[in-house]
Amino acid sequence: ALAALGLKTGGTVQQRAERLLLTKHTPLEKLDKKHFAKGSHGPRQNGSTAVSQDINSLKQIALVEAKMKKLCDLLSKTIEQTKENVVKKQALTYEEMEQEREEFTNLCPQHPVRMAVGRVLNVGACEETQVDTESDDEDQQIYNPLKLPMGWDGKPIPYWLYKLHGLGQEFKCEICGNYSYWGRRAFERHFKEWRHQHGMRCLGIPNTKNFNEITNIQEAQELWEKIRERQGVNKWRPDLEEEYEDKEGNIYNKKTYTDLQRQGLI
């Protein structure tokens, strides 16, 4: 603590304690110079030195942040390409990765192929070879015997991804006009889409959670009738539930009371 304040740190324990207690009630500016160390130039100069050091450190941090921001702006395209490349690689199987690596190594054997962030090729030397391979790829028909769905790159998606999402399962919805949905996920999601909502609207049935997993028109209509009957039972019916009392204290519902009154029995 004494060294941080620029005071002398020598002497006995009692002397150091007395020196430290002086700072409790007396500001550093009013202390005698004999209490300060020889290398120290007083509290004011020490404080200004600390402030200048803080300013210099903040300047260095701001400079580093500015450099990093500028570097990110310059490499923004490269970063985006890297992200896309990583996402694409995560969807590939081991066999597909090996096949892709062989294609790149065999693309131009007489010139080096550099696998950098964005797979940089020596385009100047291999331009003709790339044009030929691209034209061959366009002319060649994509081999897809399993009829897998196409991915974002125009190629069939991996078979494991096809099995994971259950895209081989077909779900037909009669309410949607016998439209087919492939995969459980697409089937569950279609109940909130416009096609199913339009079909339910044509049937005069509200598209609520009660009708989830129902694709048959007859089943939907039967369920709607049951719901309406249940709502009718819980509804207030004054003819049956409203009570009347005659002069003798007998209690009747409204319908019975009016019938007896018309007949002159009460």
C-alpha atoms as a PDB file:
ATOM      1  CA  ALA A   1       0.000   0.000   0.000  1.00  0.00           C
ATOM      2  CA  LEU A   2       2.856   2.414   0.807  1.00  0.00           C
ATOM      3  CA  ALA A   3       4.604   1.713  -2.485  1.00  0.00           C
ATOM      4  CA  ALA A   4       1.390   2.330  -4.424  1.00  0.00           C
ATOM      5  CA  LEU A   5       1.067   5.752  -2.773  1.00  0.00           C
ATOM      6  CA  GLY A   6       4.718   6.583  -3.425  1.00  0.00           C
ATOM      7  CA  LEU A   7       5.643   6.551   0.288  1.00  0.00           C
ATOM      8  CA  LYS A   8       8.709   5.041   1.901  1.00  0.00           C
ATOM      9  CA  THR A   9       8.465   1.344   2.628  1.00  0.00           C
ATOM     10  CA  GLY A  10      11.463   1.020   4.945  1.00  0.00           C
ATOM     11  CA  GLY A  11      11.743   1.103   8.719  1.00  0.00           C
ATOM     12  CA  THR A  12      10.155  -0.976  11.415  1.00  0.00           C
ATOM     13  CA  VAL A  13       6.627  -2.246  11.416  1.00  0.00           C
ATOM     14  CA  GLN A  14       5.539   0.548  13.743  1.00  0.00           C
ATOM     15  CA  GLN A  15       7.088   3.224  11.529  1.00  0.00           C
ATOM     16  CA  ARG A  16       5.415   1.841   8.435  1.00  0.00           C
ATOM     17  CA  ALA A  17       2.094   1.676  10.266  1.00  0.00           C
ATOM     18  CA  GLU A  18       2.432   5.288  11.436  1.00  0.00           C
ATOM     19  CA  ARG A  19       3.289   6.352   7.903  1.00  0.00           C
ATOM     20  CA  LEU A  20       0.211   4.588   6.572  1.00  0.00           C
ATOM     21  CA  LEU A  21      -2.053   6.085   9.254  1.00  0.00           C
ATOM     22  CA  LEU A  22      -0.975   9.561   8.183  1.00  0.00           C
ATOM     23  CA  THR A  23      -2.793   9.053   4.895  1.00  0.00           C
ATOM     24  CA  LYS A  24      -6.043   8.275   6.679  1.00  0.00           C
ATOM     25  CA  HIS A  25      -6.821  11.841   7.755  1.00  0.00           C
ATOM     26  CA  THR A  26      -4.279  13.844   5.729  1.00  0.00           C
ATOM     27  CA  PRO A  27      -4.318  14.156   1.922  1.00  0.00           C
ATOM     28  CA  LEU A  28      -1.178  13.147   0.075  1.00  0.00           C
ATOM     29  CA  GLU A  29      -0.673  16.711  -1.166  1.00  0.00           C
ATOM     30  CA  LYS A  30      -0.272  17.999   2.414  1.00  0.00           C
ATOM     31  CA  LEU A  31       2.165  15.353   3.606  1.00  0.00           C
ATOM     32  CA  ASP A  32       5.797  16.235   4.164  1.00  0.00           C
ATOM     33  CA  LYS A  33       8.192  15.270   1.390  1.00  0.00           C
ATOM     34  CA  LYS A  34      10.301  13.250   3.821  1.00  0.00           C
ATOM     35  CA  HIS A  35       7.606  10.567   3.885  1.00  0.00           C
ATOM     36  CA  PHE A  36       7.868   9.968   0.134  1.00  0.00           C
ATOM     37  CA  ALA A  37      10.420   7.700  -1.500  1.00  0.00           C
ATOM     38  CA  LYS A  38      13.389   9.202  -3.345  1.00  0.00           C
ATOM     39  CA  GLY A  39      12.328   7.956  -6.757  1.00  0.00           C
ATOM     40  CA  SER A  40       8.876   9.455  -6.327  1.00  0.00           C
ATOM     41  CA  HIS A  41       8.076  12.992  -7.504  1.00  0.00           C
ATOM     42  CA  GLY A  42       5.072  13.551  -5.318  1.00  0.00           C
ATOM     43  CA  PRO A  43       1.487  12.409  -5.397  1.00  0.00           C
ATOM     44  CA  ARG A  44       0.370  14.725  -8.168  1.00  0.00           C
ATOM     45  CA  GLN A  45       2.976  13.587 -10.626  1.00  0.00           C
ATOM     46  CA  ASN A  46       2.418   9.939  -9.713  1.00  0.00           C
ATOM     47  CA  GLY A  47      -1.312  10.363 -10.323  1.00  0.00           C
ATOM     48  CA  SER A  48      -0.760  12.030 -13.674  1.00  0.00           C
ATOM     49  CA  THR A  49       1.632   9.250 -14.681  1.00  0.00           C
ATOM     50  CA  ALA A  50      -0.987   6.612 -13.868  1.00  0.00           C
ATOM     51  CA  VAL A  51      -3.609   8.501 -15.856  1.00  0.00           C
ATOM     52  CA  SER A  52      -1.295   8.797 -18.847  1.00  0.00           C
ATOM     53  CA  GLN A  53      -0.577   5.065 -18.687  1.00  0.00           C
ATOM     54  CA  ASP A  54      -4.306   4.314 -18.671  1.00  0.00           C
ATOM     55  CA  ILE A  55      -4.833   6.576 -21.672  1.00  0.00           C
ATOM     56  CA  ASN A  56      -2.013   4.878 -23.571  1.00  0.00           C
ATOM     57  CA  SER A  57      -3.427   1.429 -22.847  1.00  0.00           C
ATOM     58  CA  LEU A  58      -6.883   2.529 -24.003  1.00  0.00           C
ATOM     59  CA  LYS A  59      -5.381   3.915 -27.200  1.00  0.00           C
ATOM     60  CA  GLN A  60      -3.645   0.618 -27.889  1.00  0.00           C
ATOM     61  CA  ILE A  61      -6.868  -1.325 -27.318  1.00  0.00           C
ATOM     62  CA  ALA A  62      -8.806   1.012 -29.618  1.00  0.00           C
ATOM     63  CA  LEU A  63      -6.115   0.662 -32.292  1.00  0.00           C
ATOM     64  CA  VAL A  64      -6.257  -3.140 -32.126  1.00  0.00           C
ATOM     65  CA  GLU A  65     -10.063  -3.090 -32.336  1.00  0.00           C
ATOM     66  CA  ALA A  66      -9.954  -0.786 -35.361  1.00  0.00           C
ATOM     67  CA  LYS A  67      -7.449  -3.063 -37.091  1.00  0.00           C
ATOM     68  CA  MET A  68      -9.579  -6.132 -36.390  1.00  0.00           C
ATOM     69  CA  LYS A  69     -12.720  -4.425 -37.709  1.00  0.00           C
ATOM     70  CA  LYS A  70     -10.936  -3.353 -40.877  1.00  0.00           C
ATOM     71  CA  LEU A  71      -9.542  -6.850 -41.340  1.00  0.00           C
ATOM     72  CA  CYS A  72     -13.019  -8.370 -40.937  1.00  0.00           C
ATOM     73  CA  ASP A  73     -14.394  -5.958 -43.538  1.00  0.00           C
ATOM     74  CA  LEU A  74     -11.667  -6.892 -46.010  1.00  0.00           C
ATOM     75  CA  LEU A  75     -12.162 -10.629 -45.445  1.00  0.00           C
ATOM     76  CA  SER A  76     -15.964 -10.578 -45.240  1.00  0.00           C
ATOM     77  CA  LYS A  77     -16.425 -12.541 -48.488  1.00  0.00           C
ATOM     78  CA  THR A  78     -13.810 -15.068 -47.466  1.00  0.00           C
ATOM     79  CA  ILE A  79     -15.462 -15.543 -44.075  1.00  0.00           C
ATOM     80  CA  GLU A  80     -18.882 -16.111 -45.660  1.00  0.00           C
ATOM     81  CA  GLN A  81     -17.415 -18.616 -48.123  1.00  0.00           C
ATOM     82  CA  THR A  82     -15.716 -20.402 -45.244  1.00  0.00           C
ATOM     83  CA  LYS A  83     -18.991 -20.680 -43.330  1.00  0.00           C
ATOM     84  CA  GLU A  84     -20.787 -22.064 -46.379  1.00  0.00           C
ATOM     85  CA  ASN A  85     -17.968 -24.533 -46.963  1.00  0.00           C
ATOM     86  CA  VAL A  86     -18.140 -25.744 -43.347  1.00  0.00           C
ATOM     87  CA  VAL A  87     -21.919 -26.217 -43.532  1.00  0.00           C
ATOM     88  CA  LYS A  88     -21.552 -28.138 -46.777  1.00  0.00           C
ATOM     89  CA  LYS A  89     -18.833 -30.387 -45.344  1.00  0.00           C
ATOM     90  CA  GLN A  90     -20.948 -31.217 -42.300  1.00  0.00           C
ATOM     91  CA  ALA A  91     -23.645 -32.634 -44.582  1.00  0.00           C
ATOM     92  CA  LEU A  92     -21.225 -34.888 -46.499  1.00  0.00           C
ATOM     93  CA  THR A  93     -20.438 -38.496 -45.720  1.00  0.00           C
ATOM     94  CA  TYR A  94     -16.912 -39.871 -45.587  1.00  0.00           C
ATOM     95  CA  GLU A  95     -17.208 -41.429 -49.055  1.00  0.00           C
ATOM     96  CA  GLU A  96     -18.447 -38.162 -50.549  1.00  0.00           C
ATOM     97  CA  MET A  97     -15.602 -36.223 -48.933  1.00  0.00           C
ATOM     98  CA  GLU A  98     -13.031 -38.669 -50.324  1.00  0.00           C
ATOM     99  CA  GLN A  99     -14.604 -38.482 -53.769  1.00  0.00           C
ATOM    100  CA  GLU A 100     -14.579 -34.696 -53.690  1.00  0.00           C
ATOM    101  CA  ARG A 101     -10.929 -34.636 -52.610  1.00  0.00           C
ATOM    102  CA  GLU A 102      -9.974 -36.950 -55.465  1.00  0.00           C
ATOM    103  CA  GLU A 103     -11.829 -34.752 -57.938  1.00  0.00           C
ATOM    104  CA  PHE A 104      -9.866 -31.694 -56.844  1.00  0.00           C
ATOM    105  CA  THR A 105      -6.520 -33.480 -56.886  1.00  0.00           C
ATOM    106  CA  ASN A 106      -7.196 -34.968 -60.330  1.00  0.00           C
ATOM    107  CA  LEU A 107      -8.554 -31.733 -61.733  1.00  0.00           C
ATOM    108  CA  CYS A 108      -5.156 -30.415 -62.803  1.00  0.00           C
ATOM    109  CA  PRO A 109      -2.324 -32.851 -61.975  1.00  0.00           C
ATOM    110  CA  GLN A 110       0.440 -30.808 -63.638  1.00  0.00           C
ATOM    111  CA  HIS A 111      -0.279 -27.761 -61.469  1.00  0.00           C
ATOM    112  CA  PRO A 112      -0.574 -27.434 -57.671  1.00  0.00           C
ATOM    113  CA  VAL A 113      -3.983 -27.246 -56.040  1.00  0.00           C
ATOM    114  CA  ARG A 114      -4.030 -25.198 -52.873  1.00  0.00           C
ATOM    115  CA  MET A 115      -6.737 -25.961 -50.340  1.00  0.00           C
ATOM    116  CA  ALA A 116      -7.107 -22.666 -48.514  1.00  0.00           C
ATOM    117  CA  VAL A 117     -10.115 -21.016 -46.919  1.00  0.00           C
ATOM    118  CA  GLY A 118     -12.070 -20.892 -50.128  1.00  0.00           C
ATOM    119  CA  ARG A 119     -10.273 -23.686 -52.073  1.00  0.00           C
ATOM    120  CA  VAL A 120      -8.091 -21.388 -54.130  1.00  0.00           C
ATOM    121  CA  LEU A 121      -7.129 -22.915 -57.470  1.00  0.00           C
ATOM    122  CA  ASN A 122      -4.411 -21.828 -59.824  1.00  0.00           C
ATOM    123  CA  VAL A 123      -6.962 -20.501 -62.293  1.00  0.00           C
ATOM    124  CA  GLY A 124      -4.492 -18.917 -64.658  1.00  0.00           C
ATOM    125  CA  ALA A 125      -2.846 -22.223 -65.507  1.00  0.00           C
ATOM    126  CA  CYS A 126      -5.896 -24.493 -65.293  1.00  0.00           C
ATOM    127  CA  GLU A 127      -8.509 -22.268 -66.928  1.00  0.00           C
ATOM    128  CA  GLU A 128      -9.012 -24.457 -69.974  1.00  0.00           C
ATOM    129  CA  THR A 129      -9.232 -27.623 -67.888  1.00  0.00           C
ATOM    130  CA  GLN A 130     -11.870 -26.090 -65.609  1.00  0.00           C
ATOM    131  CA  VAL A 131     -13.991 -24.947 -68.546  1.00  0.00           C
ATOM    132  CA  ASP A 132     -13.913 -28.447 -70.015  1.00  0.00           C
ATOM    133  CA  THR A 133     -14.842 -30.101 -66.728  1.00  0.00           C
ATOM    134  CA  GLU A 134     -17.687 -27.644 -66.105  1.00  0.00           C
ATOM    135  CA  SER A 135     -19.134 -28.249 -69.554  1.00  0.00           C
ATOM    136  CA  ASP A 136     -18.835 -32.003 -69.032  1.00  0.00           C
ATOM    137  CA  ASP A 137     -20.618 -31.755 -65.683  1.00  0.00           C
ATOM    138  CA  GLU A 138     -23.460 -29.777 -67.230  1.00  0.00           C
ATOM    139  CA  ASP A 139     -23.880 -32.243 -70.084  1.00  0.00           C
ATOM    140  CA  GLN A 140     -23.609 -35.288 -67.829  1.00  0.00           C
ATOM    141  CA  GLN A 141     -26.857 -36.386 -66.207  1.00  0.00           C
ATOM    142  CA  ILE A 142     -26.849 -36.615 -62.417  1.00  0.00           C
ATOM    143  CA  TYR A 143     -26.861 -40.229 -61.233  1.00  0.00           C
ATOM    144  CA  ASN A 144     -29.700 -40.566 -58.742  1.00  0.00           C
ATOM    145  CA  PRO A 145     -31.090 -44.122 -58.713  1.00  0.00           C
ATOM    146  CA  LEU A 146     -32.776 -43.708 -55.304  1.00  0.00           C
ATOM    147  CA  LYS A 147     -34.554 -40.536 -56.469  1.00  0.00           C
ATOM    148  CA  LEU A 148     -33.280 -38.531 -53.521  1.00  0.00           C
ATOM    149  CA  PRO A 149     -34.352 -34.884 -53.182  1.00  0.00           C
ATOM    150  CA  MET A 150     -31.957 -32.267 -54.498  1.00  0.00           C
ATOM    151  CA  GLY A 151     -29.941 -30.138 -52.107  1.00  0.00           C
ATOM    152  CA  TRP A 152     -28.939 -26.496 -52.283  1.00  0.00           C
ATOM    153  CA  ASP A 153     -25.979 -27.349 -54.537  1.00  0.00           C
ATOM    154  CA  GLY A 154     -28.117 -29.087 -57.160  1.00  0.00           C
ATOM    155  CA  LYS A 155     -26.959 -32.564 -56.110  1.00  0.00           C
ATOM    156  CA  PRO A 156     -28.916 -35.301 -54.323  1.00  0.00           C
ATOM    157  CA  ILE A 157     -28.802 -35.017 -50.553  1.00  0.00           C
ATOM    158  CA  PRO A 158     -26.912 -37.721 -48.597  1.00  0.00           C
ATOM    159  CA  TYR A 159     -28.790 -40.937 -47.968  1.00  0.00           C
ATOM    160  CA  TRP A 160     -28.285 -40.733 -44.189  1.00  0.00           C
ATOM    161  CA  LEU A 161     -29.946 -37.306 -44.173  1.00  0.00           C
ATOM    162  CA  TYR A 162     -32.758 -38.727 -46.283  1.00  0.00           C
ATOM    163  CA  LYS A 163     -33.331 -41.497 -43.711  1.00  0.00           C
ATOM    164  CA  LEU A 164     -32.912 -39.159 -40.740  1.00  0.00           C
ATOM    165  CA  HIS A 165     -35.817 -36.929 -41.754  1.00  0.00           C
ATOM    166  CA  GLY A 166     -37.907 -39.878 -42.945  1.00  0.00           C
ATOM    167  CA  LEU A 167     -38.320 -38.421 -46.417  1.00  0.00           C
ATOM    168  CA  GLY A 168     -39.229 -41.857 -47.764  1.00  0.00           C
ATOM    169  CA  GLN A 169     -42.557 -41.859 -45.908  1.00  0.00           C
ATOM    170  CA  GLU A 170     -45.541 -40.488 -47.804  1.00  0.00           C
ATOM    171  CA  PHE A 171     -48.470 -38.878 -46.003  1.00  0.00           C
ATOM    172  CA  LYS A 172     -51.608 -38.015 -47.975  1.00  0.00           C
ATOM    173  CA  CYS A 173     -54.173 -35.507 -46.801  1.00  0.00           C
ATOM    174  CA  GLU A 174     -57.688 -35.784 -48.214  1.00  0.00           C
ATOM    175  CA  ILE A 175     -58.593 -32.359 -46.851  1.00  0.00           C
ATOM    176  CA  CYS A 176     -55.772 -30.846 -48.935  1.00  0.00           C
ATOM    177  CA  GLY A 177     -57.061 -32.531 -52.087  1.00  0.00           C
ATOM    178  CA  ASN A 178     -55.082 -35.785 -51.662  1.00  0.00           C
ATOM    179  CA  TYR A 179     -51.843 -33.813 -51.631  1.00  0.00           C
ATOM    180  CA  SER A 180     -48.765 -35.855 -50.655  1.00  0.00           C
ATOM    181  CA  TYR A 181     -46.305 -34.786 -47.970  1.00  0.00           C
ATOM    182  CA  TRP A 182     -42.943 -36.519 -47.716  1.00  0.00           C
ATOM    183  CA  GLY A 183     -41.534 -36.901 -44.232  1.00  0.00           C
ATOM    184  CA  ARG A 184     -43.086 -36.618 -40.802  1.00  0.00           C
ATOM    185  CA  ARG A 185     -41.811 -33.106 -40.294  1.00  0.00           C
ATOM    186  CA  ALA A 186     -43.441 -31.743 -43.432  1.00  0.00           C
ATOM    187  CA  PHE A 187     -46.667 -33.586 -42.588  1.00  0.00           C
ATOM    188  CA  GLU A 188     -46.921 -32.078 -39.094  1.00  0.00           C
ATOM    189  CA  ARG A 189     -46.081 -28.635 -40.400  1.00  0.00           C
ATOM    190  CA  HIS A 190     -48.723 -28.661 -43.143  1.00  0.00           C
ATOM    191  CA  PHE A 191     -51.619 -28.410 -40.651  1.00  0.00           C
ATOM    192  CA  LYS A 192     -50.753 -24.721 -40.222  1.00  0.00           C
ATOM    193  CA  GLU A 193     -50.153 -24.008 -43.892  1.00  0.00           C
ATOM    194  CA  TRP A 194     -52.552 -22.322 -46.286  1.00  0.00           C
ATOM    195  CA  ARG A 195     -53.579 -25.445 -48.222  1.00  0.00           C
ATOM    196  CA  HIS A 196     -54.917 -27.285 -45.175  1.00  0.00           C
ATOM    197  CA  GLN A 197     -56.502 -24.137 -43.762  1.00  0.00           C
ATOM    198  CA  HIS A 198     -58.308 -23.546 -47.054  1.00  0.00           C
ATOM    199  CA  GLY A 199     -59.631 -27.125 -47.068  1.00  0.00           C
ATOM    200  CA  MET A 200     -60.934 -26.802 -43.509  1.00  0.00           C
ATOM    201  CA  ARG A 201     -62.538 -23.474 -44.367  1.00  0.00           C
ATOM    202  CA  CYS A 202     -64.339 -25.072 -47.313  1.00  0.00           C
ATOM    203  CA  LEU A 203     -65.711 -27.755 -44.981  1.00  0.00           C
ATOM    204  CA  GLY A 204     -66.918 -25.110 -42.545  1.00  0.00           C
ATOM    205  CA  ILE A 205     -64.742 -26.468 -39.747  1.00  0.00           C
ATOM    206  CA  PRO A 206     -62.401 -24.307 -37.650  1.00  0.00           C
ATOM    207  CA  ASN A 207     -58.754 -25.318 -37.957  1.00  0.00           C
ATOM    208  CA  THR A 208     -57.955 -25.872 -34.268  1.00  0.00           C
ATOM    209  CA  LYS A 209     -55.637 -28.234 -32.400  1.00  0.00           C
ATOM    210  CA  ASN A 210     -58.472 -30.719 -32.007  1.00  0.00           C
ATOM    211  CA  PHE A 211     -58.168 -31.584 -35.704  1.00  0.00           C
ATOM    212  CA  ASN A 212     -54.421 -32.222 -35.783  1.00  0.00           C
ATOM    213  CA  GLU A 213     -53.401 -35.564 -37.321  1.00  0.00           C
ATOM    214  CA  ILE A 214     -56.833 -35.823 -39.029  1.00  0.00           C
ATOM    215  CA  THR A 215     -56.607 -35.973 -42.807  1.00  0.00           C
ATOM    216  CA  ASN A 216     -59.901 -37.694 -43.683  1.00  0.00           C
ATOM    217  CA  ILE A 217     -62.896 -35.488 -44.475  1.00  0.00           C
ATOM    218  CA  GLN A 218     -65.438 -37.832 -42.889  1.00  0.00           C
ATOM    219  CA  GLU A 219     -63.444 -38.141 -39.672  1.00  0.00           C
ATOM    220  CA  ALA A 220     -63.118 -34.366 -39.447  1.00  0.00           C
ATOM    221  CA  GLN A 221     -66.869 -33.885 -39.925  1.00  0.00           C
ATOM    222  CA  GLU A 222     -67.729 -36.534 -37.321  1.00  0.00           C
ATOM    223  CA  LEU A 223     -65.376 -34.972 -34.797  1.00  0.00           C
ATOM    224  CA  TRP A 224     -66.857 -31.545 -35.485  1.00  0.00           C
ATOM    225  CA  GLU A 225     -70.366 -32.904 -34.823  1.00  0.00           C
ATOM    226  CA  LYS A 226     -69.229 -34.404 -31.514  1.00  0.00           C
ATOM    227  CA  ILE A 227     -67.653 -31.116 -30.477  1.00  0.00           C
ATOM    228  CA  ARG A 228     -70.812 -29.224 -31.353  1.00  0.00           C
ATOM    229  CA  GLU A 229     -72.954 -31.681 -29.384  1.00  0.00           C
ATOM    230  CA  ARG A 230     -70.639 -31.387 -26.393  1.00  0.00           C
ATOM    231  CA  GLN A 231     -70.844 -27.627 -26.589  1.00  0.00           C
ATOM    232  CA  GLY A 232     -74.632 -27.886 -26.831  1.00  0.00           C
ATOM    233  CA  VAL A 233     -74.846 -29.961 -23.627  1.00  0.00           C
ATOM    234  CA  ASN A 234     -72.863 -27.403 -21.714  1.00  0.00           C
ATOM    235  CA  LYS A 235     -74.900 -24.540 -23.138  1.00  0.00           C
ATOM    236  CA  TRP A 236     -77.625 -22.885 -21.064  1.00  0.00           C
ATOM    237  CA  ARG A 237     -81.045 -24.148 -22.117  1.00  0.00           C
ATOM    238  CA  PRO A 238     -83.796 -22.142 -20.405  1.00  0.00           C
ATOM    239  CA  ASP A 239     -86.632 -24.466 -21.508  1.00  0.00           C
ATOM    240  CA  LEU A 240     -85.162 -27.340 -19.529  1.00  0.00           C
ATOM    241  CA  GLU A 241     -83.121 -25.670 -16.808  1.00  0.00           C
ATOM    242  CA  GLU A 242     -85.211 -22.644 -15.834  1.00  0.00           C
ATOM    243  CA  GLU A 243     -87.411 -23.537 -12.831  1.00  0.00           C
ATOM    244  CA  TYR A 244     -90.942 -22.390 -11.916  1.00  0.00           C
ATOM    245  CA  GLU A 245     -92.929 -22.962  -8.716  1.00  0.00           C
ATOM    246  CA  ASP A 246     -96.718 -23.230  -8.446  1.00  0.00           C
ATOM    247  CA  LYS A 247     -98.956 -22.227  -5.528  1.00  0.00           C
ATOM    248  CA  GLU A 248     -98.535 -25.583  -3.828  1.00  0.00           C
ATOM    249  CA  GLY A 249     -94.743 -25.367  -3.919  1.00  0.00           C
ATOM    250  CA  ASN A 250     -94.182 -27.836  -6.744  1.00  0.00           C
ATOM    251  CA  ILE A 251     -91.187 -27.044  -8.963  1.00  0.00           C
ATOM    252  CA  TYR A 252     -91.317 -27.510 -12.738  1.00  0.00           C
ATOM    253  CA  ASN A 253     -89.096 -26.498 -15.602  1.00  0.00           C
ATOM    254  CA  LYS A 254     -90.272 -23.801 -17.957  1.00  0.00           C
ATOM    255  CA  LYS A 255     -91.611 -26.124 -20.641  1.00  0.00           C
ATOM    256  CA  THR A 256     -93.630 -28.307 -18.248  1.00  0.00           C
ATOM    257  CA  TYR A 257     -94.951 -25.308 -16.361  1.00  0.00           C
ATOM    258  CA  THR A 258     -96.213 -23.575 -19.504  1.00  0.00           C
ATOM    259  CA  ASP A 259     -97.855 -26.795 -20.754  1.00  0.00           C
ATOM    260  CA  LEU A 260     -99.703 -27.327 -17.458  1.00  0.00           C
ATOM    261  CA  GLN A 261    -100.691 -23.687 -17.343  1.00  0.00           C
ATOM    262  CA  ARG A 262    -102.182 -23.842 -20.829  1.00  0.00           C
ATOM    263  CA  GLN A 263    -104.189 -26.903 -19.875  1.00  0.00           C
ATOM    264  CA  GLY A 264    -105.517 -25.109 -16.795  1.00  0.00           C
ATOM    265  CA  LEU A 265    -104.155 -27.675 -14.386  1.00  0.00           C
ATOM    266  CA  ILE A 266    -102.280 -25.148 -12.290  1.00  0.00           C
END
